[in-house]
Protein backbone atom coordinates (compact mmCIF):
# COMPACT_ATOMS: atom_id res chain seq x y z
CA MET A 1 -271.88 11.69 18.67
CA THR A 2 -275.24 12.20 17.14
CA THR A 3 -278.02 9.89 17.68
CA LEU A 4 -278.12 9.00 13.94
CA ALA A 5 -274.47 8.29 13.91
CA THR A 6 -274.74 6.04 17.05
CA ALA A 7 -277.62 4.19 15.64
CA LEU A 8 -275.90 3.54 12.37
CA ARG A 9 -272.67 2.30 14.01
CA ARG A 10 -274.71 -0.04 16.27
CA THR A 11 -276.51 -1.40 13.14
CA VAL A 12 -273.86 -1.26 10.38
CA LEU A 13 -270.92 -2.89 12.29
CA PRO A 14 -272.71 -6.12 13.54
CA LEU A 15 -274.25 -6.49 10.09
CA ALA A 16 -270.80 -6.04 8.36
CA LEU A 17 -269.22 -8.56 10.90
CA ALA A 18 -272.14 -11.02 10.29
CA LEU A 19 -271.92 -10.72 6.50
CA GLY A 20 -268.09 -11.06 6.73
CA ALA A 21 -268.45 -14.39 8.77
CA THR A 22 -271.06 -15.74 6.43
CA ALA A 23 -268.87 -15.13 3.45
CA ALA A 24 -265.85 -16.67 5.06
CA LEU A 25 -267.84 -19.84 5.88
CA SER A 26 -269.75 -20.21 2.82
CA SER A 27 -267.59 -22.53 0.48
CA PRO A 28 -264.34 -23.91 -0.15
CA ALA A 29 -263.51 -20.48 -1.49
CA SER A 30 -262.88 -19.35 2.00
CA ALA A 31 -259.71 -21.12 2.61
CA HIS A 32 -256.73 -19.21 1.30
CA THR A 33 -253.84 -21.52 2.02
CA VAL A 34 -253.21 -25.28 1.67
CA THR A 35 -253.18 -25.83 5.56
CA SER A 36 -256.38 -23.83 6.05
CA ALA A 37 -257.94 -26.16 3.44
CA ALA A 38 -256.56 -29.16 5.25
CA PHE A 39 -258.54 -28.18 8.32
CA SER A 40 -261.53 -26.83 6.65
CA GLU A 41 -265.07 -28.29 6.74
CA TYR A 42 -264.99 -28.14 2.87
CA GLY A 43 -261.47 -29.37 2.55
CA CYS A 44 -259.73 -32.45 4.19
CA LYS A 45 -261.98 -31.92 7.40
CA TRP A 46 -258.98 -32.65 9.69
CA THR A 47 -259.53 -31.73 13.35
CA LYS A 48 -256.21 -32.77 14.83
CA GLY A 49 -252.58 -33.28 13.90
CA TYR A 50 -250.58 -31.78 11.20
CA ALA A 51 -250.87 -31.46 7.50
CA VAL A 52 -247.58 -32.66 6.09
CA GLU A 53 -247.03 -31.93 2.30
CA LEU A 54 -245.75 -35.01 0.69
CA GLU A 55 -245.48 -33.64 -2.77
CA SER A 56 -246.96 -30.86 -4.93
CA LEU A 57 -247.09 -30.58 -8.82
CA PRO A 58 -247.57 -27.24 -10.73
CA ILE A 59 -250.59 -26.93 -13.06
CA HIS A 60 -249.86 -24.95 -16.24
CA ASP A 61 -252.21 -24.27 -19.17
CA GLU A 62 -251.49 -26.82 -21.77
CA TRP A 63 -251.12 -24.26 -24.72
CA THR A 64 -249.85 -21.03 -23.23
CA GLY A 65 -247.85 -22.41 -20.17
CA THR A 66 -249.50 -19.98 -17.93
CA ARG A 67 -249.43 -21.13 -14.30
CA LEU A 68 -253.01 -21.96 -13.28
CA GLY A 69 -252.35 -23.52 -9.86
CA THR A 70 -250.83 -26.42 -7.87
CA VAL A 71 -252.05 -29.90 -6.78
CA HIS A 72 -250.72 -30.86 -3.24
CA LEU A 73 -250.55 -34.30 -1.70
CA LEU A 74 -250.90 -34.15 2.06
CA TRP A 75 -250.68 -36.69 4.86
CA ASN A 76 -252.12 -36.56 8.37
CA SER A 77 -250.80 -39.32 10.60
CA SER A 78 -253.37 -38.62 13.40
CA HIS A 79 -256.33 -39.43 10.86
CA GLY A 80 -254.30 -41.96 8.96
CA GLN A 81 -255.38 -40.10 5.88
CA ASN A 82 -254.16 -38.66 2.49
CA CYS A 83 -255.76 -35.58 1.09
CA VAL A 84 -255.28 -33.88 -2.28
CA VAL A 85 -255.89 -30.14 -2.45
CA THR A 86 -255.92 -28.61 -6.03
CA ARG A 87 -255.52 -24.72 -5.45
CA ARG A 88 -255.51 -21.93 -8.03
CA THR A 89 -252.47 -19.62 -8.16
CA ASP A 90 -252.47 -16.33 -6.34
CA SER A 91 -253.22 -14.35 -9.78
CA LEU A 92 -256.54 -16.58 -10.12
CA HIS A 93 -257.16 -17.25 -6.43
CA GLY A 94 -260.52 -15.82 -5.54
CA GLY A 95 -261.42 -14.75 -9.11
CA PRO A 96 -264.53 -15.83 -10.97
CA PRO A 97 -265.26 -19.67 -10.31
CA GLY A 98 -263.69 -22.15 -12.76
CA VAL A 99 -263.68 -25.99 -12.76
CA ILE A 100 -261.32 -27.23 -10.19
CA SER A 101 -260.81 -30.99 -9.61
CA ALA A 102 -259.02 -33.03 -6.87
CA SER A 103 -258.57 -36.85 -7.43
CA LEU A 104 -257.09 -39.41 -5.08
CA THR A 105 -256.89 -43.16 -5.60
CA VAL A 106 -255.80 -45.54 -2.90
CA GLU A 107 -254.16 -48.62 -4.38
CA GLY A 108 -256.76 -51.31 -4.73
CA GLU A 109 -259.64 -49.04 -4.15
CA ARG A 110 -261.88 -46.77 -6.37
CA LEU A 111 -260.97 -43.23 -7.63
CA ARG A 112 -262.20 -40.46 -5.25
CA GLN A 113 -262.76 -37.17 -6.81
CA GLU A 114 -264.05 -33.51 -5.78
CA TYR A 115 -264.77 -31.13 -8.61
CA GLY A 116 -266.95 -28.10 -9.26
CA ASP A 117 -267.07 -24.51 -10.14
CA TYR A 118 -264.84 -23.01 -7.30
CA SER A 119 -262.86 -19.80 -6.80
CA HIS A 120 -259.91 -21.25 -4.85
CA TYR A 121 -259.70 -24.93 -4.39
CA ALA A 122 -261.06 -28.53 -4.30
CA ALA A 123 -260.04 -31.15 -2.02
CA VAL A 124 -260.63 -34.96 -1.52
CA VAL A 125 -259.48 -37.29 1.33
CA ALA A 126 -259.25 -40.92 2.01
CA ASP A 127 -257.95 -43.37 4.64
CA ALA A 128 -254.56 -44.68 3.34
CA ALA A 129 -252.51 -45.74 6.51
CA GLY A 130 -250.19 -48.54 5.14
CA LYS A 131 -251.31 -48.06 1.46
CA CYS A 132 -249.96 -46.44 -1.74
CA VAL A 133 -251.70 -43.72 -3.49
CA ARG A 134 -251.66 -41.60 -6.60
CA TYR A 135 -253.33 -38.25 -7.21
CA SER A 136 -254.12 -35.57 -9.80
CA GLY A 137 -255.47 -32.01 -10.20
CA TYR A 138 -257.28 -30.14 -12.88
CA ILE A 139 -257.95 -26.29 -13.21
CA THR A 140 -259.52 -24.21 -15.83
CA GLY A 141 -258.78 -20.45 -16.07
CA PRO A 142 -259.95 -17.43 -17.87
CA GLY A 143 -261.02 -18.00 -21.45
CA ASP A 144 -260.04 -21.45 -22.71
CA TRP A 145 -257.18 -22.08 -20.40
CA GLU A 146 -257.00 -25.51 -18.80
CA GLY A 147 -254.27 -27.70 -17.29
CA ALA A 148 -253.77 -30.89 -15.20
CA ALA A 149 -251.07 -32.45 -13.28
CA THR A 150 -250.81 -36.26 -12.33
CA GLN A 151 -248.68 -38.49 -10.50
CA ILE A 152 -248.80 -41.60 -12.72
CA ARG A 153 -247.48 -44.31 -10.48
CA PHE A 154 -248.57 -45.38 -7.01
CA GLY A 155 -246.31 -44.06 -4.48
CA PHE A 156 -246.08 -42.48 -1.04
CA CYS A 157 -246.80 -45.84 0.73
CA GLY A 158 -247.30 -45.52 4.47
């Protein structure tokens, strides 16, 4: 192997690995599954136990009916917390950022919400052991697409 090729290999590979690691850890956009969002520092921030999905609701564009994503209600008994993850569908997942919102209300407490311009998901978490919750999610898509899904009544008491 030539000296130039050896030098390039020693320089380019570590740089590519460093850039890949930085991109993977830079934002909520790095989690590609609901479970990885639950244990991400940008998601539910859970460090132990299991993410149990209690319910999920599809989010469709209100005019075209196009599927934009899903809002997931999760429970982790080790933390005594519920978490809501609103995630874009595979066709939009990782595309240009759009507004994504995750909302969670524990009965008797204030609304908690995470929203912003994300490419993959938004998540919000709250202590909820022995309490009832309600949740919602909102997603914008390409152009003027937008949709929401909401669990209206308090439920999932535990």
